[in-house]
Amino acid sequence: MNQERILKVLLAPHVSEKSAIMADSAEQYVFKVVPNATKTEVKAAVESLFDVKVQSVNMINIKGKRKVFKGRAGQRNGVRKAIVRLAPGQEIDFASAE
């Protein structure tokens, strides 16, 4: 895997109330990733960018909602998320990562 691909796999951390609870209690962090990302690419990207040890990665595909706006049917974009479980004792601090 080349370094350029590793830097492009992670798009952003997914910040929500549920992801904050997961980060505090279960050492799991949620990231939005590119649609064609694999588990091994996400693991390599997180380990190289944040200097942590990743225990496991779970992937989720969320389909976009169908909506009607002014009588016209449309669909929102879907998103792919990765739930990353870190090894015990590891944590990611997003404030100092920038």
PDB file of N, CA and C in Angstrom:
ATOM      1  N   MET A   1       0.841  -1.177   0.000  1.00  0.00           N
ATOM      2  CA  MET A   1       0.000   0.000   0.000  1.00  0.00           C
ATOM      3  C   MET A   1       0.889   1.244   0.000  1.00  0.00           C
ATOM      4  N   ASN A   2       0.606   2.158  -0.914  1.00  0.00           N
ATOM      5  CA  ASN A   2       1.439   3.361  -0.961  1.00  0.00           C
ATOM      6  C   ASN A   2       0.933   4.418   0.008  1.00  0.00           C
ATOM      7  N   GLN A   3       1.799   5.344   0.325  1.00  0.00           N
ATOM      8  CA  GLN A   3       1.503   6.369   1.334  1.00  0.00           C
ATOM      9  C   GLN A   3       0.385   7.304   0.869  1.00  0.00           C
ATOM     10  N   GLU A   4       0.307   7.555  -0.420  1.00  0.00           N
ATOM     11  CA  GLU A   4      -0.728   8.457  -0.940  1.00  0.00           C
ATOM     12  C   GLU A   4      -2.126   7.875  -0.711  1.00  0.00           C
ATOM     13  N   ARG A   5      -2.280   6.578  -0.948  1.00  0.00           N
ATOM     14  CA  ARG A   5      -3.576   5.920  -0.742  1.00  0.00           C
ATOM     15  C   ARG A   5      -3.951   5.924   0.740  1.00  0.00           C
ATOM     16  N   ILE A   6      -2.974   5.702   1.609  1.00  0.00           N
ATOM     17  CA  ILE A   6      -3.248   5.698   3.051  1.00  0.00           C
ATOM     18  C   ILE A   6      -3.776   7.052   3.515  1.00  0.00           C
ATOM     19  N   LEU A   7      -3.236   8.132   2.958  1.00  0.00           N
ATOM     20  CA  LEU A   7      -3.675   9.464   3.368  1.00  0.00           C
ATOM     21  C   LEU A   7      -5.064   9.809   2.834  1.00  0.00           C
ATOM     22  N   LYS A   8      -5.509   9.152   1.768  1.00  0.00           N
ATOM     23  CA  LYS A   8      -6.808   9.467   1.171  1.00  0.00           C
ATOM     24  C   LYS A   8      -7.944   8.583   1.666  1.00  0.00           C
ATOM     25  N   VAL A   9      -7.649   7.530   2.404  1.00  0.00           N
ATOM     26  CA  VAL A   9      -8.688   6.591   2.834  1.00  0.00           C
ATOM     27  C   VAL A   9      -9.628   7.223   3.856  1.00  0.00           C
ATOM     28  N   LEU A  10      -9.104   7.855   4.883  1.00  0.00           N
ATOM     29  CA  LEU A  10      -9.938   8.476   5.923  1.00  0.00           C
ATOM     30  C   LEU A  10     -10.370   9.860   5.470  1.00  0.00           C
ATOM     31  N   LEU A  11     -11.677  10.116   5.497  1.00  0.00           N
ATOM     32  CA  LEU A  11     -12.187  11.433   5.124  1.00  0.00           C
ATOM     33  C   LEU A  11     -12.323  12.344   6.337  1.00  0.00           C
ATOM     34  N   ALA A  12     -12.954  11.837   7.397  1.00  0.00           N
ATOM     35  CA  ALA A  12     -13.177  12.654   8.593  1.00  0.00           C
ATOM     36  C   ALA A  12     -13.641  11.760   9.731  1.00  0.00           C
ATOM     37  N   PRO A  13     -13.430  12.197  10.968  1.00  0.00           N
ATOM     38  CA  PRO A  13     -14.046  11.458  12.075  1.00  0.00           C
ATOM     39  C   PRO A  13     -15.545  11.753  12.096  1.00  0.00           C
ATOM     40  N   HIS A  14     -16.330  10.756  12.417  1.00  0.00           N
ATOM     41  CA  HIS A  14     -17.784  10.937  12.514  1.00  0.00           C
ATOM     42  C   HIS A  14     -18.090  11.324  13.960  1.00  0.00           C
ATOM     43  N   VAL A  15     -18.507  12.557  14.161  1.00  0.00           N
ATOM     44  CA  VAL A  15     -18.745  13.077  15.505  1.00  0.00           C
ATOM     45  C   VAL A  15     -20.244  13.087  15.773  1.00  0.00           C
ATOM     46  N   SER A  16     -20.662  12.284  16.742  1.00  0.00           N
ATOM     47  CA  SER A  16     -22.051  12.254  17.174  1.00  0.00           C
ATOM     48  C   SER A  16     -22.070  11.856  18.650  1.00  0.00           C
ATOM     49  N   GLU A  17     -23.238  11.893  19.222  1.00  0.00           N
ATOM     50  CA  GLU A  17     -23.367  11.525  20.626  1.00  0.00           C
ATOM     51  C   GLU A  17     -23.042  10.041  20.826  1.00  0.00           C
ATOM     52  N   LYS A  18     -23.514   9.211  19.900  1.00  0.00           N
ATOM     53  CA  LYS A  18     -23.270   7.778  19.995  1.00  0.00           C
ATOM     54  C   LYS A  18     -21.782   7.452  19.822  1.00  0.00           C
ATOM     55  N   SER A  19     -21.116   8.124  18.891  1.00  0.00           N
ATOM     56  CA  SER A  19     -19.689   7.847  18.684  1.00  0.00           C
ATOM     57  C   SER A  19     -18.852   8.337  19.865  1.00  0.00           C
ATOM     58  N   ALA A  20     -19.277   9.405  20.529  1.00  0.00           N
ATOM     59  CA  ALA A  20     -18.566   9.878  21.713  1.00  0.00           C
ATOM     60  C   ALA A  20     -18.696   8.880  22.870  1.00  0.00           C
ATOM     61  N   ILE A  21     -19.867   8.284  23.016  1.00  0.00           N
ATOM     62  CA  ILE A  21     -20.070   7.274  24.055  1.00  0.00           C
ATOM     63  C   ILE A  21     -19.228   6.041  23.756  1.00  0.00           C
ATOM     64  N   MET A  22     -19.161   5.642  22.482  1.00  0.00           N
ATOM     65  CA  MET A  22     -18.349   4.487  22.090  1.00  0.00           C
ATOM     66  C   MET A  22     -16.870   4.746  22.352  1.00  0.00           C
ATOM     67  N   ALA A  23     -16.422   5.960  22.095  1.00  0.00           N
ATOM     68  CA  ALA A  23     -15.014   6.291  22.311  1.00  0.00           C
ATOM     69  C   ALA A  23     -14.659   6.250  23.794  1.00  0.00           C
ATOM     70  N   ASP A  24     -15.563   6.711  24.643  1.00  0.00           N
ATOM     71  CA  ASP A  24     -15.295   6.734  26.083  1.00  0.00           C
ATOM     72  C   ASP A  24     -15.336   5.341  26.713  1.00  0.00           C
ATOM     73  N   SER A  25     -16.323   4.549  26.341  1.00  0.00           N
ATOM     74  CA  SER A  25     -16.518   3.288  27.052  1.00  0.00           C
ATOM     75  C   SER A  25     -15.819   2.097  26.397  1.00  0.00           C
ATOM     76  N   ALA A  26     -15.816   2.021  25.077  1.00  0.00           N
ATOM     77  CA  ALA A  26     -15.352   0.793  24.415  1.00  0.00           C
ATOM     78  C   ALA A  26     -14.081   0.985  23.593  1.00  0.00           C
ATOM     79  N   GLU A  27     -13.468   2.149  23.650  1.00  0.00           N
ATOM     80  CA  GLU A  27     -12.257   2.448  22.870  1.00  0.00           C
ATOM     81  C   GLU A  27     -12.481   2.202  21.378  1.00  0.00           C
ATOM     82  N   GLN A  28     -13.658   2.623  20.880  1.00  0.00           N
ATOM     83  CA  GLN A  28     -13.996   2.507  19.468  1.00  0.00           C
ATOM     84  C   GLN A  28     -14.192   3.900  18.897  1.00  0.00           C
ATOM     85  N   TYR A  29     -13.662   4.121  17.692  1.00  0.00           N
ATOM     86  CA  TYR A  29     -13.767   5.416  17.041  1.00  0.00           C
ATOM     87  C   TYR A  29     -14.385   5.224  15.664  1.00  0.00           C
ATOM     88  N   VAL A  30     -15.203   6.183  15.232  1.00  0.00           N
ATOM     89  CA  VAL A  30     -15.925   6.083  13.972  1.00  0.00           C
ATOM     90  C   VAL A  30     -15.354   7.108  13.003  1.00  0.00           C
ATOM     91  N   PHE A  31     -15.047   6.648  11.778  1.00  0.00           N
ATOM     92  CA  PHE A  31     -14.509   7.508  10.729  1.00  0.00           C
ATOM     93  C   PHE A  31     -15.349   7.360   9.475  1.00  0.00           C
ATOM     94  N   LYS A  32     -15.526   8.458   8.738  1.00  0.00           N
ATOM     95  CA  LYS A  32     -16.080   8.381   7.402  1.00  0.00           C
ATOM     96  C   LYS A  32     -14.923   8.054   6.470  1.00  0.00           C
ATOM     97  N   VAL A  33     -15.128   7.091   5.570  1.00  0.00           N
ATOM     98  CA  VAL A  33     -14.065   6.645   4.683  1.00  0.00           C
ATOM     99  C   VAL A  33     -14.556   6.689   3.237  1.00  0.00           C
ATOM    100  N   VAL A  34     -13.613   6.577   2.295  1.00  0.00           N
ATOM    101  CA  VAL A  34     -13.973   6.564   0.877  1.00  0.00           C
ATOM    102  C   VAL A  34     -14.781   5.300   0.587  1.00  0.00           C
ATOM    103  N   PRO A  35     -15.651   5.335  -0.417  1.00  0.00           N
ATOM    104  CA  PRO A  35     -16.552   4.195  -0.673  1.00  0.00           C
ATOM    105  C   PRO A  35     -15.851   2.883  -1.025  1.00  0.00           C
ATOM    106  N   ASN A  36     -14.637   2.926  -1.549  1.00  0.00           N
ATOM    107  CA  ASN A  36     -13.970   1.687  -1.945  1.00  0.00           C
ATOM    108  C   ASN A  36     -12.861   1.286  -0.976  1.00  0.00           C
ATOM    109  N   ALA A  37     -12.898   1.797   0.245  1.00  0.00           N
ATOM    110  CA  ALA A  37     -11.880   1.471   1.249  1.00  0.00           C
ATOM    111  C   ALA A  37     -12.096   0.054   1.783  1.00  0.00           C
ATOM    112  N   THR A  38     -10.990  -0.610   2.101  1.00  0.00           N
ATOM    113  CA  THR A  38     -11.057  -1.938   2.702  1.00  0.00           C
ATOM    114  C   THR A  38     -10.645  -1.855   4.170  1.00  0.00           C
ATOM    115  N   LYS A  39     -10.893  -2.939   4.900  1.00  0.00           N
ATOM    116  CA  LYS A  39     -10.550  -2.962   6.320  1.00  0.00           C
ATOM    117  C   LYS A  39      -9.042  -2.827   6.534  1.00  0.00           C
ATOM    118  N   THR A  40      -8.251  -3.476   5.709  1.00  0.00           N
ATOM    119  CA  THR A  40      -6.795  -3.405   5.877  1.00  0.00           C
ATOM    120  C   THR A  40      -6.272  -2.008   5.580  1.00  0.00           C
ATOM    121  N   GLU A  41      -6.865  -1.315   4.607  1.00  0.00           N
ATOM    122  CA  GLU A  41      -6.454   0.056   4.309  1.00  0.00           C
ATOM    123  C   GLU A  41      -6.797   0.990   5.458  1.00  0.00           C
ATOM    124  N   VAL A  42      -7.982   0.817   6.039  1.00  0.00           N
ATOM    125  CA  VAL A  42      -8.393   1.662   7.166  1.00  0.00           C
ATOM    126  C   VAL A  42      -7.484   1.410   8.368  1.00  0.00           C
ATOM    127  N   LYS A  43      -7.169   0.148   8.624  1.00  0.00           N
ATOM    128  CA  LYS A  43      -6.285  -0.187   9.746  1.00  0.00           C
ATOM    129  C   LYS A  43      -4.910   0.449   9.567  1.00  0.00           C
ATOM    130  N   ALA A  44      -4.352   0.345   8.373  1.00  0.00           N
ATOM    131  CA  ALA A  44      -3.033   0.931   8.104  1.00  0.00           C
ATOM    132  C   ALA A  44      -3.067   2.447   8.216  1.00  0.00           C
ATOM    133  N   ALA A  45      -4.152   3.065   7.749  1.00  0.00           N
ATOM    134  CA  ALA A  45      -4.260   4.520   7.801  1.00  0.00           C
ATOM    135  C   ALA A  45      -4.347   5.027   9.234  1.00  0.00           C
ATOM    136  N   VAL A  46      -5.168   4.388  10.051  1.00  0.00           N
ATOM    137  CA  VAL A  46      -5.327   4.822  11.450  1.00  0.00           C
ATOM    138  C   VAL A  46      -4.026   4.613  12.224  1.00  0.00           C
ATOM    139  N   GLU A  47      -3.381   3.470  12.012  1.00  0.00           N
ATOM    140  CA  GLU A  47      -2.132   3.194  12.732  1.00  0.00           C
ATOM    141  C   GLU A  47      -1.024   4.157  12.335  1.00  0.00           C
ATOM    142  N   SER A  48      -0.949   4.548  11.073  1.00  0.00           N
ATOM    143  CA  SER A  48       0.127   5.453  10.656  1.00  0.00           C
ATOM    144  C   SER A  48      -0.163   6.907  11.009  1.00  0.00           C
ATOM    145  N   LEU A  49      -1.426   7.327  10.937  1.00  0.00           N
ATOM    146  CA  LEU A  49      -1.748   8.731  11.199  1.00  0.00           C
ATOM    147  C   LEU A  49      -1.789   9.073  12.686  1.00  0.00           C
ATOM    148  N   PHE A  50      -2.255   8.134  13.513  1.00  0.00           N
ATOM    149  CA  PHE A  50      -2.460   8.439  14.930  1.00  0.00           C
ATOM    150  C   PHE A  50      -1.492   7.710  15.857  1.00  0.00           C
ATOM    151  N   ASP A  51      -0.603   6.880  15.347  1.00  0.00           N
ATOM    152  CA  ASP A  51       0.377   6.133  16.143  1.00  0.00           C
ATOM    153  C   ASP A  51      -0.276   5.321  17.253  1.00  0.00           C
ATOM    154  N   VAL A  52      -1.272   4.514  16.876  1.00  0.00           N
ATOM    155  CA  VAL A  52      -1.966   3.634  17.809  1.00  0.00           C
ATOM    156  C   VAL A  52      -1.982   2.224  17.228  1.00  0.00           C
ATOM    157  N   LYS A  53      -2.338   1.251  18.065  1.00  0.00           N
ATOM    158  CA  LYS A  53      -2.457  -0.134  17.622  1.00  0.00           C
ATOM    159  C   LYS A  53      -3.941  -0.461  17.463  1.00  0.00           C
ATOM    160  N   VAL A  54      -4.339  -0.869  16.255  1.00  0.00           N
ATOM    161  CA  VAL A  54      -5.737  -1.183  15.964  1.00  0.00           C
ATOM    162  C   VAL A  54      -5.981  -2.664  16.197  1.00  0.00           C
ATOM    163  N   GLN A  55      -7.043  -2.970  16.946  1.00  0.00           N
ATOM    164  CA  GLN A  55      -7.396  -4.353  17.232  1.00  0.00           C
ATOM    165  C   GLN A  55      -8.312  -4.915  16.147  1.00  0.00           C
ATOM    166  N   SER A  56      -9.352  -4.154  15.732  1.00  0.00           N
ATOM    167  CA  SER A  56     -10.261  -4.638  14.698  1.00  0.00           C
ATOM    168  C   SER A  56     -10.927  -3.457  14.004  1.00  0.00           C
ATOM    169  N   VAL A  57     -11.478  -3.737  12.817  1.00  0.00           N
ATOM    170  CA  VAL A  57     -12.177  -2.726  12.025  1.00  0.00           C
ATOM    171  C   VAL A  57     -13.479  -3.327  11.521  1.00  0.00           C
ATOM    172  N   ASN A  58     -14.589  -2.622  11.695  1.00  0.00           N
ATOM    173  CA  ASN A  58     -15.884  -3.008  11.137  1.00  0.00           C
ATOM    174  C   ASN A  58     -16.323  -1.915  10.178  1.00  0.00           C
ATOM    175  N   MET A  59     -16.895  -2.322   9.028  1.00  0.00           N
ATOM    176  CA  MET A  59     -17.314  -1.374   8.004  1.00  0.00           C
ATOM    177  C   MET A  59     -18.837  -1.348   7.913  1.00  0.00           C
ATOM    178  N   ILE A  60     -19.384  -0.153   7.635  1.00  0.00           N
ATOM    179  CA  ILE A  60     -20.830   0.030   7.504  1.00  0.00           C
ATOM    180  C   ILE A  60     -21.097   0.836   6.240  1.00  0.00           C
ATOM    181  N   ASN A  61     -22.024   0.364   5.398  1.00  0.00           N
ATOM    182  CA  ASN A  61     -22.509   1.128   4.259  1.00  0.00           C
ATOM    183  C   ASN A  61     -23.887   1.658   4.608  1.00  0.00           C
ATOM    184  N   ILE A  62     -24.066   2.967   4.577  1.00  0.00           N
ATOM    185  CA  ILE A  62     -25.351   3.581   4.875  1.00  0.00           C
ATOM    186  C   ILE A  62     -25.882   4.183   3.589  1.00  0.00           C
ATOM    187  N   LYS A  63     -27.036   3.717   3.148  1.00  0.00           N
ATOM    188  CA  LYS A  63     -27.630   4.203   1.909  1.00  0.00           C
ATOM    189  C   LYS A  63     -28.269   5.557   2.145  1.00  0.00           C
ATOM    190  N   GLY A  64     -28.238   6.415   1.126  1.00  0.00           N
ATOM    191  CA  GLY A  64     -28.845   7.734   1.221  1.00  0.00           C
ATOM    192  C   GLY A  64     -30.361   7.655   1.237  1.00  0.00           C
ATOM    193  N   LYS A  65     -30.977   8.577   1.950  1.00  0.00           N
ATOM    194  CA  LYS A  65     -32.430   8.591   2.048  1.00  0.00           C
ATOM    195  C   LYS A  65     -33.057   9.116   0.753  1.00  0.00           C
ATOM    196  N   ARG A  66     -34.208   8.571   0.421  1.00  0.00           N
ATOM    197  CA  ARG A  66     -34.993   9.106  -0.696  1.00  0.00           C
ATOM    198  C   ARG A  66     -35.825  10.264  -0.162  1.00  0.00           C
ATOM    199  N   LYS A  67     -35.782  11.375  -0.859  1.00  0.00           N
ATOM    200  CA  LYS A  67     -36.493  12.573  -0.429  1.00  0.00           C
ATOM    201  C   LYS A  67     -37.266  13.160  -1.600  1.00  0.00           C
ATOM    202  N   VAL A  68     -38.300  13.936  -1.286  1.00  0.00           N
ATOM    203  CA  VAL A  68     -39.054  14.670  -2.296  1.00  0.00           C
ATOM    204  C   VAL A  68     -38.945  16.146  -1.934  1.00  0.00           C
ATOM    205  N   PHE A  69     -38.477  16.929  -2.900  1.00  0.00           N
ATOM    206  CA  PHE A  69     -38.316  18.368  -2.680  1.00  0.00           C
ATOM    207  C   PHE A  69     -39.043  19.104  -3.797  1.00  0.00           C
ATOM    208  N   LYS A  70     -40.083  19.855  -3.433  1.00  0.00           N
ATOM    209  CA  LYS A  70     -40.911  20.597  -4.396  1.00  0.00           C
ATOM    210  C   LYS A  70     -41.435  19.689  -5.503  1.00  0.00           C
ATOM    211  N   GLY A  71     -41.874  18.488  -5.113  1.00  0.00           N
ATOM    212  CA  GLY A  71     -42.466  17.570  -6.063  1.00  0.00           C
ATOM    213  C   GLY A  71     -41.475  16.754  -6.870  1.00  0.00           C
ATOM    214  N   ARG A  72     -40.199  16.966  -6.679  1.00  0.00           N
ATOM    215  CA  ARG A  72     -39.183  16.229  -7.435  1.00  0.00           C
ATOM    216  C   ARG A  72     -38.515  15.204  -6.525  1.00  0.00           C
ATOM    217  N   ALA A  73     -38.467  13.986  -6.999  1.00  0.00           N
ATOM    218  CA  ALA A  73     -37.854  12.923  -6.211  1.00  0.00           C
ATOM    219  C   ALA A  73     -36.343  12.992  -6.359  1.00  0.00           C
ATOM    220  N   GLY A  74     -35.664  12.729  -5.269  1.00  0.00           N
ATOM    221  CA  GLY A  74     -34.208  12.727  -5.279  1.00  0.00           C
ATOM    222  C   GLY A  74     -33.694  11.780  -4.219  1.00  0.00           C
ATOM    223  N   GLN A  75     -32.387  11.691  -4.132  1.00  0.00           N
ATOM    224  CA  GLN A  75     -31.780  10.811  -3.134  1.00  0.00           C
ATOM    225  C   GLN A  75     -30.520  11.469  -2.607  1.00  0.00           C
ATOM    226  N   ARG A  76     -30.353  11.426  -1.284  1.00  0.00           N
ATOM    227  CA  ARG A  76     -29.132  11.924  -0.662  1.00  0.00           C
ATOM    228  C   ARG A  76     -27.985  10.960  -0.923  1.00  0.00           C
ATOM    229  N   ASN A  77     -26.785  11.436  -0.780  1.00  0.00           N
ATOM    230  CA  ASN A  77     -25.622  10.581  -0.977  1.00  0.00           C
ATOM    231  C   ASN A  77     -25.486   9.586   0.169  1.00  0.00           C
ATOM    232  N   GLY A  78     -25.041   8.388  -0.157  1.00  0.00           N
ATOM    233  CA  GLY A  78     -24.746   7.385   0.858  1.00  0.00           C
ATOM    234  C   GLY A  78     -23.366   7.651   1.440  1.00  0.00           C
ATOM    235  N   VAL A  79     -23.057   6.970   2.542  1.00  0.00           N
ATOM    236  CA  VAL A  79     -21.764   7.156   3.196  1.00  0.00           C
ATOM    237  C   VAL A  79     -21.269   5.799   3.688  1.00  0.00           C
ATOM    238  N   ARG A  80     -19.969   5.626   3.720  1.00  0.00           N
ATOM    239  CA  ARG A  80     -19.348   4.412   4.261  1.00  0.00           C
ATOM    240  C   ARG A  80     -18.583   4.817   5.503  1.00  0.00           C
ATOM    241  N   LYS A  81     -18.840   4.097   6.597  1.00  0.00           N
ATOM    242  CA  LYS A  81     -18.171   4.400   7.853  1.00  0.00           C
ATOM    243  C   LYS A  81     -17.382   3.197   8.324  1.00  0.00           C
ATOM    244  N   ALA A  82     -16.331   3.476   9.071  1.00  0.00           N
ATOM    245  CA  ALA A  82     -15.507   2.432   9.661  1.00  0.00           C
ATOM    246  C   ALA A  82     -15.493   2.619  11.167  1.00  0.00           C
ATOM    247  N   ILE A  83     -15.786   1.551  11.891  1.00  0.00           N
ATOM    248  CA  ILE A  83     -15.702   1.566  13.348  1.00  0.00           C
ATOM    249  C   ILE A  83     -14.399   0.862  13.712  1.00  0.00           C
ATOM    250  N   VAL A  84     -13.493   1.602  14.335  1.00  0.00           N
ATOM    251  CA  VAL A  84     -12.153   1.114  14.629  1.00  0.00           C
ATOM    252  C   VAL A  84     -12.028   0.878  16.124  1.00  0.00           C
ATOM    253  N   ARG A  85     -11.715  -0.365  16.501  1.00  0.00           N
ATOM    254  CA  ARG A  85     -11.487  -0.703  17.911  1.00  0.00           C
ATOM    255  C   ARG A  85      -9.985  -0.713  18.151  1.00  0.00           C
ATOM    256  N   LEU A  86      -9.563   0.055  19.149  1.00  0.00           N
ATOM    257  CA  LEU A  86      -8.142   0.134  19.469  1.00  0.00           C
ATOM    258  C   LEU A  86      -7.773  -0.903  20.527  1.00  0.00           C
ATOM    259  N   ALA A  87      -6.485  -1.174  20.601  1.00  0.00           N
ATOM    260  CA  ALA A  87      -5.983  -2.089  21.628  1.00  0.00           C
ATOM    261  C   ALA A  87      -6.209  -1.464  23.007  1.00  0.00           C
ATOM    262  N   PRO A  88      -6.312  -2.277  24.041  1.00  0.00           N
ATOM    263  CA  PRO A  88      -6.537  -1.729  25.391  1.00  0.00           C
ATOM    264  C   PRO A  88      -5.442  -0.740  25.786  1.00  0.00           C
ATOM    265  N   GLY A  89      -5.873   0.384  26.356  1.00  0.00           N
ATOM    266  CA  GLY A  89      -4.936   1.407  26.804  1.00  0.00           C
ATOM    267  C   GLY A  89      -4.610   2.452  25.749  1.00  0.00           C
ATOM    268  N   GLN A  90      -5.063   2.268  24.517  1.00  0.00           N
ATOM    269  CA  GLN A  90      -4.806   3.228  23.432  1.00  0.00           C
ATOM    270  C   GLN A  90      -5.973   4.195  23.326  1.00  0.00           C
ATOM    271  N   GLU A  91      -5.700   5.404  22.869  1.00  0.00           N
ATOM    272  CA  GLU A  91      -6.773   6.358  22.594  1.00  0.00           C
ATOM    273  C   GLU A  91      -6.300   7.356  21.553  1.00  0.00           C
ATOM    274  N   ILE A  92      -7.270   7.973  20.877  1.00  0.00           N
ATOM    275  CA  ILE A  92      -6.981   8.995  19.860  1.00  0.00           C
ATOM    276  C   ILE A  92      -7.482  10.324  20.396  1.00  0.00           C
ATOM    277  N   ASP A  93      -6.611  11.329  20.371  1.00  0.00           N
ATOM    278  CA  ASP A  93      -6.986  12.677  20.777  1.00  0.00           C
ATOM    279  C   ASP A  93      -7.025  13.522  19.507  1.00  0.00           C
ATOM    280  N   PHE A  94      -8.223  13.838  19.019  1.00  0.00           N
ATOM    281  CA  PHE A  94      -8.361  14.560  17.762  1.00  0.00           C
ATOM    282  C   PHE A  94      -7.885  15.993  17.865  1.00  0.00           C
ATOM    283  N   ALA A  95      -7.917  16.597  19.042  1.00  0.00           N
ATOM    284  CA  ALA A  95      -7.494  17.988  19.204  1.00  0.00           C
ATOM    285  C   ALA A  95      -5.977  18.130  18.961  1.00  0.00           C
ATOM    286  N   SER A  96      -5.196  17.178  19.420  1.00  0.00           N
ATOM    287  CA  SER A  96      -3.742  17.284  19.250  1.00  0.00           C
ATOM    288  C   SER A  96      -3.269  16.698  17.920  1.00  0.00           C
ATOM    289  N   ALA A  97      -4.155  15.978  17.199  1.00  0.00           N
ATOM    290  CA  ALA A  97      -3.769  15.357  15.923  1.00  0.00           C
ATOM    291  C   ALA A  97      -3.656  16.392  14.813  1.00  0.00           C
ATOM    292  N   GLU A  98      -4.304  17.531  14.955  1.00  0.00           N
ATOM    293  CA  GLU A  98      -4.232  18.562  13.923  1.00  0.00           C
ATOM    294  C   GLU A  98      -2.968  19.303  14.102  1.00  0.00           C
TER     295      GLU A  98
END
